[in-house]
């Protein structure tokens, strides 16, 4: 079962709120922030209807190479 667009938007809002309130004080907090940033990227891809979220997220992390979906 997939997520509805409304559910994806709600989860994306919650992740963004959590990120805005985070105070990084140690490595664990920094890791949590990275995980939340990745979740935000994945949810954004789902919200835009990108088929292969994993490929898109990897492309976002490669410096100097725009994601293929962004070129279309």
C-alpha atoms as a PDB file:
ATOM      1  CA  UNK A   1       0.000   0.000   0.000  1.00  0.00           C
ATOM      2  CA  UNK A   2       1.356   3.407  -0.968  1.00  0.00           C
ATOM      3  CA  UNK A   3       1.069   6.711   0.799  1.00  0.00           C
ATOM      4  CA  UNK A   4      -1.449   9.309  -0.281  1.00  0.00           C
ATOM      5  CA  UNK A   5      -0.224  12.711  -1.443  1.00  0.00           C
ATOM      6  CA  UNK A   6      -1.739  14.261   1.681  1.00  0.00           C
ATOM      7  CA  UNK A   7       0.140  11.819   3.947  1.00  0.00           C
ATOM      8  CA  UNK A   8       3.418  12.506   2.157  1.00  0.00           C
ATOM      9  CA  UNK A   9       2.913  16.259   2.525  1.00  0.00           C
ATOM     10  CA  UNK A  10       2.133  15.866   6.237  1.00  0.00           C
ATOM     11  CA  UNK A  11       5.239  13.737   6.830  1.00  0.00           C
ATOM     12  CA  UNK A  12       7.366  16.201   4.888  1.00  0.00           C
ATOM     13  CA  UNK A  13       6.053  19.053   7.053  1.00  0.00           C
ATOM     14  CA  UNK A  14       6.823  17.106  10.228  1.00  0.00           C
ATOM     15  CA  UNK A  15      10.383  16.337   9.093  1.00  0.00           C
ATOM     16  CA  UNK A  16      10.968  19.994   8.195  1.00  0.00           C
ATOM     17  CA  UNK A  17       9.648  21.117  11.592  1.00  0.00           C
ATOM     18  CA  UNK A  18      11.905  18.624  13.385  1.00  0.00           C
ATOM     19  CA  UNK A  19      14.914  19.831  11.377  1.00  0.00           C
ATOM     20  CA  UNK A  20      14.173  23.462  12.186  1.00  0.00           C
ATOM     21  CA  UNK A  21      14.129  22.758  15.923  1.00  0.00           C
ATOM     22  CA  UNK A  22      17.228  20.539  16.050  1.00  0.00           C
ATOM     23  CA  UNK A  23      20.193  21.700  18.072  1.00  0.00           C
ATOM     24  CA  UNK A  24      23.312  19.771  17.082  1.00  0.00           C
ATOM     25  CA  UNK A  25      25.413  19.093  20.157  1.00  0.00           C
ATOM     26  CA  UNK A  26      27.119  15.783  19.366  1.00  0.00           C
ATOM     27  CA  UNK A  27      27.749  13.195  16.653  1.00  0.00           C
ATOM     28  CA  UNK A  28      24.504  11.377  17.346  1.00  0.00           C
ATOM     29  CA  UNK A  29      22.544  14.573  16.747  1.00  0.00           C
ATOM     30  CA  UNK A  30      24.485  15.148  13.526  1.00  0.00           C
ATOM     31  CA  UNK A  31      23.654  11.614  12.352  1.00  0.00           C
ATOM     32  CA  UNK A  32      19.997  12.133  13.212  1.00  0.00           C
ATOM     33  CA  UNK A  33      20.035  15.323  11.183  1.00  0.00           C
ATOM     34  CA  UNK A  34      21.538  13.503   8.195  1.00  0.00           C
ATOM     35  CA  UNK A  35      18.861  10.808   8.433  1.00  0.00           C
ATOM     36  CA  UNK A  36      16.138  13.466   8.559  1.00  0.00           C
ATOM     37  CA  UNK A  37      17.649  15.311   5.578  1.00  0.00           C
ATOM     38  CA  UNK A  38      17.643  12.041   3.625  1.00  0.00           C
ATOM     39  CA  UNK A  39      14.031  11.374   4.639  1.00  0.00           C
ATOM     40  CA  UNK A  40      13.125  14.884   3.496  1.00  0.00           C
ATOM     41  CA  UNK A  41      14.746  14.230   0.088  1.00  0.00           C
ATOM     42  CA  UNK A  42      12.928  10.912  -0.280  1.00  0.00           C
ATOM     43  CA  UNK A  43       9.571  12.366   0.722  1.00  0.00           C
ATOM     44  CA  UNK A  44      10.081  15.266  -1.675  1.00  0.00           C
ATOM     45  CA  UNK A  45      10.745  12.782  -4.478  1.00  0.00           C
ATOM     46  CA  UNK A  46       7.607  10.857  -3.609  1.00  0.00           C
ATOM     47  CA  UNK A  47       5.620  14.086  -3.508  1.00  0.00           C
ATOM     48  CA  UNK A  48       6.864  15.008  -6.995  1.00  0.00           C
ATOM     49  CA  UNK A  49       6.155  11.507  -8.287  1.00  0.00           C
ATOM     50  CA  UNK A  50       9.739  10.484  -9.022  1.00  0.00           C
ATOM     51  CA  UNK A  51       9.684   6.749  -9.765  1.00  0.00           C
ATOM     52  CA  UNK A  52      13.080   5.661  -8.468  1.00  0.00           C
ATOM     53  CA  UNK A  53      13.650   7.530  -5.205  1.00  0.00           C
ATOM     54  CA  UNK A  54      16.922   5.737  -4.376  1.00  0.00           C
ATOM     55  CA  UNK A  55      18.544   6.689  -7.701  1.00  0.00           C
ATOM     56  CA  UNK A  56      17.363  10.258  -7.394  1.00  0.00           C
ATOM     57  CA  UNK A  57      18.678  10.600  -3.832  1.00  0.00           C
ATOM     58  CA  UNK A  58      22.088   9.216  -4.887  1.00  0.00           C
ATOM     59  CA  UNK A  59      22.206  11.686  -7.760  1.00  0.00           C
ATOM     60  CA  UNK A  60      21.475  14.551  -5.368  1.00  0.00           C
ATOM     61  CA  UNK A  61      24.505  13.644  -3.268  1.00  0.00           C
ATOM     62  CA  UNK A  62      26.950  13.571  -6.226  1.00  0.00           C
ATOM     63  CA  UNK A  63      28.737  16.915  -6.465  1.00  0.00           C
ATOM     64  CA  UNK A  64      28.793  18.494  -9.888  1.00  0.00           C
ATOM     65  CA  UNK A  65      26.160  16.246 -11.460  1.00  0.00           C
ATOM     66  CA  UNK A  66      22.553  17.352 -11.647  1.00  0.00           C
ATOM     67  CA  UNK A  67      19.952  14.606 -11.173  1.00  0.00           C
ATOM     68  CA  UNK A  68      18.583  13.284 -14.474  1.00  0.00           C
ATOM     69  CA  UNK A  69      15.002  14.074 -13.478  1.00  0.00           C
ATOM     70  CA  UNK A  70      15.933  17.722 -13.011  1.00  0.00           C
ATOM     71  CA  UNK A  71      17.186  17.878 -16.604  1.00  0.00           C
ATOM     72  CA  UNK A  72      13.912  16.682 -18.102  1.00  0.00           C
END
